[in-house]
Amino acid sequence: MAAALATASTAAAVAWADTGAGTLASAPVRVGGAGRSMVYDGTVEAVRQTVVAAQVPGAVVAIDVRAGDTVRAGQALMRIDARSAEQTAAAGDAQVAATRATLEVARRELERQRQLFDKAYISRAALERAEAQHAATRAQLDALIAQAGAARTQSGLHRVLAPYSGVVAEVPVALGDMAMPGRALLTLYDPAVLRVTAAVPQSVGAHPPAAGEIRIELPGAAPDGGAVVPTRVAVLPTVDAATRTVQLRLELPAGTAGAAPGGFARVRLPAPAEAPGAAGSGRLFVPVSAVVRRAELAGLYVIDPKGRPLLRQVRLGPVTGDEIEVLAGLSAGDRVALDPQAAARVR
C-alpha cells in the first residue's frame, strides 16, 4: 500500500519542461519518512580458509590444480618428489620380512628346546635362553613393523590432498620449487560459507541489530542494486584501542552470487531513533528508470533552474519496488528527468 501511494504521489508530481527540442518529463526526488541508515565498508571473508603447507621436504614435481579451480575432498592437488622416502619405506619392508623369517626360526628352535627339556635332555637354563631369543626377535619385529609403517606414512605425505571440497585461491609455488615443512603450497577456501566483516563503533556493537534489519550490498551480487540479508550476526568481544571499533561479522546466505573472499561489501544498519539526523532527515528516492549507468558509474539528469537537464554522478542504494535510494549526489527538492535517453539528446 505504501509503495502504491508513493508511486501515485510521484506520478502526480510529474512535470513536462519545454527544452526547445520537445517536452521532457521530470519528477521531484521523493523524500522517505524513515530515518537514514548507517553505512559501513566491509570485506568478504571465507569462514573456512586453509593454507595447505608442506609436511616433508622435497622438490615439487607435479601441480594438478590452478588458482580458481574447484576441487573435491581428497583430490590430489600437488606431488612432492618421494623417491627417497619410497626407498626408505621399501628398505623397512625388507627388514620386516627378514625379521619375520628369523622369528620363525626362533619359534621352531624354542619348540625343539621344550621337547628336549620335557625329556630331561637339556637344562632349564638352555630352555630359558631359547625363550629369551624368541621374545627378543618378536620385540625386534614389532619395532621394525612400526618403523616401516612410519616410513610408509612419511611417503604418503608427498601427495598433497584437498582437506575438504572448495576453491583454490592461490598457488604460490611452481614446478621445481623446494618444499620444506611449513612452507605454504596453496590456499583453499570453502565458497559455501562466506561472511562480511566490518568495523563499527563500539556503541553499535554493544546493541547490534537483528539479522533481518541489516542489508549487505555486494558489487556484482545484484545488478539492479538489490541487497542481501545476512543469516547470522556476531560481534567479536574485543575493541580496537586505536579506533574504538569492534568487528561485526555477518554470515552470508549459501550461494550468494558475486561474493568472493577479499571483495568489497557495504553494510547498511538501521540508525537508532536518537541518533542526530535519524528522525528528522529522510531518505531520497528516484525511479529506477531515471538512472543512467556508464561502466561502474551511475548518474541522474537533474533539471537546473532554467529547465535544462544536467548529468550528475550519484551513489545508489538498494531498490525498493520501482524506486532506488540515492545515498549521495542529490538534495531534497531536486527534480530528475524520467527519460534519461531523451535528456541526453537535449542540447
Protein backbone atom coordinates (compact mmCIF):
# COMPACT_ATOMS: atom_id res chain seq x y z
CA MET A 1 0.00 0.00 0.00
CA ALA A 2 2.81 2.41 0.95
CA ALA A 3 4.65 1.68 -2.28
CA ALA A 4 1.45 2.26 -4.27
CA LEU A 5 0.86 5.62 -2.56
CA ALA A 6 4.46 6.64 -3.18
CA THR A 7 4.12 5.76 -6.87
CA ALA A 8 0.86 7.64 -7.12
CA SER A 9 2.34 10.76 -5.48
CA THR A 10 5.33 10.63 -7.82
CA ALA A 11 3.07 10.32 -10.84
CA ALA A 12 1.04 13.31 -9.67
CA ALA A 13 4.20 15.43 -9.41
CA VAL A 14 5.45 14.63 -12.91
CA ALA A 15 6.05 17.79 -14.94
CA TRP A 16 6.92 18.42 -18.58
CA ALA A 17 9.51 21.01 -19.41
CA ASP A 18 9.91 22.61 -22.84
CA THR A 19 13.61 22.23 -23.64
CA GLY A 20 13.44 23.57 -27.17
CA ALA A 21 13.74 20.06 -28.57
CA GLY A 22 10.43 18.81 -27.25
CA THR A 23 8.97 18.18 -23.84
CA LEU A 24 10.93 16.35 -21.15
CA ALA A 25 9.15 14.60 -18.28
CA SER A 26 10.63 15.12 -14.83
CA ALA A 27 9.71 14.42 -11.23
CA PRO A 28 10.93 15.63 -7.85
CA VAL A 29 13.14 13.49 -5.68
CA ARG A 30 10.94 11.67 -3.20
CA VAL A 31 11.89 12.08 0.44
CA GLY A 32 11.16 8.96 2.50
CA GLY A 33 9.82 9.24 6.02
CA ALA A 34 12.26 6.76 7.61
CA GLY A 35 15.49 7.85 9.20
CA ARG A 36 18.79 7.48 7.41
CA SER A 37 20.62 4.24 7.80
CA MET A 38 24.24 3.92 8.87
CA VAL A 39 26.61 2.60 6.19
CA TYR A 40 29.97 0.92 6.84
CA ASP A 41 32.51 -0.58 4.46
CA GLY A 42 33.17 -4.28 4.91
CA THR A 43 35.23 -7.11 3.47
CA VAL A 44 34.08 -10.53 2.32
CA GLU A 45 35.88 -13.36 4.10
CA ALA A 46 35.77 -17.14 3.93
CA VAL A 47 34.64 -18.76 7.17
CA ARG A 48 36.73 -21.81 6.28
CA GLN A 49 40.01 -20.98 4.57
CA THR A 50 43.12 -23.13 4.79
CA VAL A 51 46.74 -22.58 3.88
CA VAL A 52 47.94 -26.06 2.88
CA ALA A 53 51.61 -26.37 3.83
CA ALA A 54 54.26 -28.98 3.11
CA GLN A 55 54.93 -31.58 5.80
CA VAL A 56 58.02 -33.10 4.17
CA PRO A 57 60.99 -31.72 2.25
CA GLY A 58 61.46 -32.30 -1.46
CA ALA A 59 61.14 -30.79 -4.91
CA VAL A 60 57.66 -30.07 -6.30
CA VAL A 61 57.30 -32.46 -9.25
CA ALA A 62 53.59 -32.10 -10.12
CA ILE A 63 50.94 -29.39 -9.69
CA ASP A 64 47.49 -30.65 -10.63
CA VAL A 65 45.41 -27.51 -9.95
CA ARG A 66 45.44 -23.80 -10.68
CA ALA A 67 44.02 -20.79 -8.87
CA GLY A 68 40.25 -20.72 -9.34
CA ASP A 69 39.84 -24.48 -9.75
CA THR A 70 37.09 -26.24 -7.82
CA VAL A 71 38.28 -29.36 -6.03
CA ARG A 72 36.62 -32.12 -4.03
CA ALA A 73 37.69 -33.51 -0.67
CA GLY A 74 40.60 -35.94 -1.01
CA GLN A 75 41.52 -34.83 -4.54
CA ALA A 76 45.25 -34.77 -5.36
CA LEU A 77 46.48 -31.19 -5.57
CA MET A 78 50.26 -31.47 -5.75
CA ARG A 79 53.07 -34.02 -5.57
CA ILE A 80 56.49 -33.72 -3.96
CA ASP A 81 59.46 -35.89 -5.00
CA ALA A 82 59.07 -39.05 -2.91
CA ARG A 83 61.84 -41.28 -4.29
CA SER A 84 63.99 -41.12 -1.17
CA ALA A 85 61.01 -41.74 1.11
CA GLU A 86 59.81 -44.65 -1.04
CA GLN A 87 63.25 -46.24 -0.90
CA THR A 88 63.28 -45.87 2.88
CA ALA A 89 59.84 -47.47 3.06
CA ALA A 90 60.96 -50.35 0.81
CA ALA A 91 64.03 -50.94 2.99
CA GLY A 92 61.80 -51.03 6.05
CA ASP A 93 59.50 -53.60 4.45
CA ALA A 94 62.54 -55.76 3.58
CA GLN A 95 63.80 -55.62 7.17
CA VAL A 96 60.36 -56.67 8.40
CA ALA A 97 60.36 -59.65 6.02
CA ALA A 98 63.85 -60.72 7.15
CA THR A 99 62.96 -60.46 10.81
CA ARG A 100 59.77 -62.48 10.27
CA ALA A 101 61.93 -65.29 8.88
CA THR A 102 64.29 -65.02 11.86
CA LEU A 103 61.31 -65.15 14.22
CA GLU A 104 60.05 -68.31 12.54
CA VAL A 105 63.46 -69.95 13.07
CA ALA A 106 63.43 -68.85 16.72
CA ARG A 107 59.92 -70.26 17.17
CA ARG A 108 60.89 -73.66 15.80
CA GLU A 109 64.06 -73.72 17.91
CA LEU A 110 62.00 -72.92 21.01
CA GLU A 111 59.64 -75.82 20.26
CA ARG A 112 62.58 -78.25 19.94
CA GLN A 113 64.13 -77.00 23.17
CA ARG A 114 60.83 -77.50 25.01
CA GLN A 115 60.57 -81.08 23.72
CA LEU A 116 64.15 -81.78 24.82
CA PHE A 117 63.50 -80.21 28.22
CA ASP A 118 60.38 -82.36 28.70
CA LYS A 119 62.59 -85.44 28.13
CA ALA A 120 65.24 -84.05 30.50
CA TYR A 121 67.83 -83.88 27.74
CA ILE A 122 68.67 -80.18 28.41
CA SER A 123 68.77 -77.94 31.43
CA ARG A 124 66.21 -75.24 32.31
CA ALA A 125 68.84 -72.59 31.56
CA ALA A 126 69.08 -73.77 27.94
CA LEU A 127 65.29 -73.58 27.63
CA GLU A 128 65.22 -70.08 29.08
CA ARG A 129 67.88 -68.96 26.60
CA ALA A 130 65.69 -70.19 23.72
CA GLU A 131 62.64 -68.42 25.18
CA ALA A 132 64.61 -65.18 25.57
CA GLN A 133 65.87 -65.39 21.98
CA HIS A 134 62.32 -65.86 20.71
CA ALA A 135 60.99 -62.96 22.77
CA ALA A 136 63.81 -60.66 21.62
CA THR A 137 63.16 -61.49 17.99
CA ARG A 138 59.42 -60.88 18.49
CA ALA A 139 60.12 -57.46 20.00
CA GLN A 140 62.53 -56.59 17.20
CA LEU A 141 59.87 -57.47 14.63
CA ASP A 142 57.30 -55.24 16.35
CA ALA A 143 59.75 -52.33 16.30
CA LEU A 144 60.54 -52.83 12.62
CA ILE A 145 56.83 -53.04 11.74
CA ALA A 146 56.26 -49.70 13.49
CA GLN A 147 59.23 -48.13 11.69
CA ALA A 148 58.01 -49.43 8.33
CA GLY A 149 54.55 -48.00 8.99
CA ALA A 150 56.05 -44.61 9.83
CA ALA A 151 58.10 -44.74 6.62
CA ARG A 152 55.00 -45.51 4.56
CA THR A 153 53.14 -42.66 6.25
CA GLN A 154 56.03 -40.32 5.51
CA SER A 155 55.98 -41.42 1.89
CA GLY A 156 52.25 -40.70 1.67
CA LEU A 157 52.79 -37.11 2.82
CA HIS A 158 54.46 -36.38 -0.51
CA ARG A 159 50.98 -36.38 -2.10
CA VAL A 160 49.12 -33.19 -1.15
CA LEU A 161 45.36 -33.82 -0.92
CA ALA A 162 42.44 -31.42 -0.53
CA PRO A 163 41.23 -31.44 3.11
CA TYR A 164 37.69 -30.52 2.01
CA SER A 165 35.76 -29.51 -1.10
CA GLY A 166 36.39 -25.93 -2.10
CA VAL A 167 38.07 -23.48 -4.45
CA VAL A 168 41.81 -22.98 -4.90
CA ALA A 169 42.54 -19.33 -4.12
CA GLU A 170 46.30 -19.22 -4.63
CA VAL A 171 49.19 -21.46 -5.69
CA PRO A 172 52.41 -19.67 -4.69
CA VAL A 173 54.82 -22.42 -5.84
CA ALA A 174 56.00 -23.63 -9.24
CA LEU A 175 57.40 -26.88 -10.58
CA GLY A 176 60.89 -27.48 -9.27
CA ASP A 177 60.48 -25.33 -6.16
CA MET A 178 61.83 -26.88 -2.98
CA ALA A 179 59.12 -27.67 -0.46
CA MET A 180 60.08 -27.53 3.20
CA PRO A 181 57.98 -28.37 6.26
CA GLY A 182 55.75 -25.38 6.96
CA ARG A 183 56.09 -23.75 3.54
CA ALA A 184 52.75 -22.74 2.02
CA LEU A 185 51.89 -24.72 -1.10
CA LEU A 186 48.40 -23.40 -1.83
CA THR A 187 45.38 -21.69 -0.27
CA LEU A 188 41.94 -23.32 -0.31
CA TYR A 189 38.58 -21.93 0.81
CA ASP A 190 35.01 -23.16 1.04
CA PRO A 191 32.73 -20.92 -1.10
CA ALA A 192 29.60 -22.27 0.55
CA VAL A 193 30.23 -20.41 3.82
CA LEU A 194 31.23 -16.74 3.45
CA ARG A 195 30.85 -13.76 5.75
CA VAL A 196 31.27 -10.00 5.70
CA THR A 197 33.37 -8.32 8.38
CA ALA A 198 33.00 -4.60 9.09
CA ALA A 199 34.43 -2.30 11.75
CA VAL A 200 31.60 -0.50 13.56
CA PRO A 201 31.60 1.89 16.54
CA GLN A 202 31.66 0.32 19.97
CA SER A 203 28.20 1.73 20.71
CA VAL A 204 26.77 -0.10 17.69
CA GLY A 205 28.48 -3.35 18.65
CA ALA A 206 27.03 -3.17 22.15
CA HIS A 207 23.48 -3.45 20.75
CA PRO A 208 23.73 -4.94 17.26
CA PRO A 209 20.56 -5.06 15.16
CA ALA A 210 18.90 -8.32 14.24
CA ALA A 211 19.94 -10.05 11.04
CA GLY A 212 16.66 -9.14 9.34
CA GLU A 213 17.31 -5.42 9.86
CA ILE A 214 20.73 -5.47 8.16
CA ARG A 215 21.35 -5.13 4.44
CA ILE A 216 24.60 -6.04 2.68
CA GLU A 217 25.36 -4.64 -0.77
CA LEU A 218 27.84 -6.60 -2.88
CA PRO A 219 29.06 -5.23 -6.23
CA GLY A 220 28.01 -7.78 -8.84
CA ALA A 221 25.71 -9.70 -6.50
CA ALA A 222 22.61 -7.95 -7.76
CA PRO A 223 22.89 -5.75 -10.88
CA ASP A 224 19.67 -3.94 -10.01
CA GLY A 225 21.14 -2.70 -6.73
CA GLY A 226 19.43 -5.24 -4.51
CA ALA A 227 20.80 -6.15 -1.11
CA VAL A 228 21.49 -9.37 0.77
CA VAL A 229 20.15 -10.17 4.23
CA PRO A 230 22.66 -11.96 6.48
CA THR A 231 21.72 -15.24 8.12
CA ARG A 232 23.71 -14.69 11.32
CA VAL A 233 25.18 -11.73 13.20
CA ALA A 234 28.14 -11.90 15.59
CA VAL A 235 30.22 -9.24 17.32
CA LEU A 236 33.78 -10.00 18.39
CA PRO A 237 34.31 -9.34 22.12
CA THR A 238 37.45 -7.21 21.64
CA VAL A 239 37.64 -3.46 20.94
CA ASP A 240 40.34 -1.85 18.81
CA ALA A 241 42.12 0.56 21.16
CA ALA A 242 43.16 2.91 18.33
CA THR A 243 39.80 3.28 16.56
CA ARG A 244 37.38 2.28 19.35
CA THR A 245 35.62 -0.04 16.94
CA VAL A 246 34.53 -3.67 17.11
CA GLN A 247 34.37 -6.29 14.38
CA LEU A 248 30.87 -7.09 13.16
CA ARG A 249 30.62 -10.45 11.39
CA LEU A 250 27.67 -11.12 9.10
CA GLU A 251 27.27 -14.59 7.62
CA LEU A 252 26.07 -14.57 4.01
CA PRO A 253 23.40 -16.95 2.69
CA ALA A 254 24.79 -20.02 0.95
CA GLY A 255 25.34 -19.48 -2.75
CA THR A 256 25.39 -15.66 -2.65
CA ALA A 257 26.33 -14.57 -6.17
CA GLY A 258 29.17 -12.12 -6.67
CA ALA A 259 30.77 -12.80 -3.27
CA ALA A 260 34.43 -13.80 -3.08
CA PRO A 261 37.00 -13.57 -0.27
CA GLY A 262 38.66 -10.16 -0.22
CA GLY A 263 35.78 -8.48 -2.06
CA PHE A 264 34.24 -5.14 -1.07
CA ALA A 265 30.89 -5.00 0.69
CA ARG A 266 28.72 -2.20 2.02
CA VAL A 267 26.91 -2.89 5.29
CA ARG A 268 23.76 -0.90 6.00
CA LEU A 269 22.47 -0.80 9.59
CA PRO A 270 19.30 0.92 10.83
CA ALA A 271 20.09 4.20 12.56
CA PRO A 272 18.89 4.46 16.16
CA ALA A 273 15.99 6.86 16.66
CA GLU A 274 18.03 9.07 18.98
CA ALA A 275 20.92 9.46 16.54
CA PRO A 276 21.40 13.00 15.20
CA GLY A 277 19.66 13.32 11.84
CA ALA A 278 17.99 9.93 12.07
CA ALA A 279 14.49 11.16 12.85
CA GLY A 280 14.44 14.49 11.03
CA SER A 281 16.18 13.76 7.75
CA GLY A 282 14.60 11.43 5.22
CA ARG A 283 15.99 9.10 2.58
CA LEU A 284 15.95 10.17 -1.06
CA PHE A 285 14.34 8.01 -3.74
CA VAL A 286 14.05 8.27 -7.53
CA PRO A 287 12.52 5.98 -10.17
CA VAL A 288 14.80 3.15 -11.26
CA SER A 289 14.17 4.07 -14.90
CA ALA A 290 15.74 7.51 -14.37
CA VAL A 291 19.18 6.11 -13.56
CA VAL A 292 21.97 6.30 -16.13
CA ARG A 293 24.69 3.67 -15.85
CA ARG A 294 28.03 4.01 -17.59
CA ALA A 295 30.54 1.27 -16.72
CA GLU A 296 30.72 1.28 -12.91
CA LEU A 297 29.34 4.83 -12.54
CA ALA A 298 25.72 5.86 -12.02
CA GLY A 299 24.12 9.23 -12.68
CA LEU A 300 20.86 11.14 -12.99
CA TYR A 301 19.81 14.01 -15.23
CA VAL A 302 18.93 16.80 -12.77
CA ILE A 303 16.81 19.69 -14.04
CA ASP A 304 18.52 23.03 -13.39
CA PRO A 305 16.63 26.30 -12.66
CA LYS A 306 16.48 27.05 -16.40
CA GLY A 307 14.84 23.71 -17.13
CA ARG A 308 17.91 22.11 -18.68
CA PRO A 309 18.88 18.51 -17.76
CA LEU A 310 22.42 18.19 -16.38
CA LEU A 311 24.01 14.80 -15.79
CA ARG A 312 25.12 14.40 -12.17
CA GLN A 313 27.01 11.44 -10.70
CA VAL A 314 25.29 9.82 -7.73
CA ARG A 315 25.82 6.94 -5.33
CA LEU A 316 22.93 4.50 -5.23
CA GLY A 317 21.48 2.31 -2.52
CA PRO A 318 19.06 -0.62 -2.56
CA VAL A 319 15.99 -0.91 -4.79
CA THR A 320 12.52 -0.76 -3.25
CA GLY A 321 9.83 -1.66 -5.75
CA ASP A 322 10.27 0.60 -8.80
CA GLU A 323 12.35 3.12 -6.86
CA ILE A 324 16.01 3.21 -5.88
CA GLU A 325 17.56 5.08 -2.97
CA VAL A 326 20.15 7.79 -3.67
CA LEU A 327 22.83 7.91 -0.99
CA ALA A 328 24.83 10.87 -2.31
CA GLY A 329 24.68 13.39 -5.14
CA LEU A 330 21.10 14.69 -4.75
CA SER A 331 19.28 17.00 -2.38
CA ALA A 332 15.66 17.23 -1.35
CA GLY A 333 13.85 19.45 -3.83
CA ASP A 334 15.85 18.39 -6.88
CA ARG A 335 13.98 17.26 -9.98
CA VAL A 336 15.23 14.47 -12.21
CA ALA A 337 14.45 13.58 -15.80
CA LEU A 338 12.39 10.42 -16.07
CA ASP A 339 13.67 9.56 -19.56
CA PRO A 340 17.49 9.71 -19.50
CA GLN A 341 17.74 8.94 -23.23
CA ALA A 342 15.57 11.92 -24.10
CA ALA A 343 17.50 14.08 -21.63
CA ALA A 344 20.80 13.10 -23.27
CA ARG A 345 19.54 14.46 -26.62
CA VAL A 346 18.82 17.89 -25.19
CA ARG A 347 21.43 20.49 -26.15
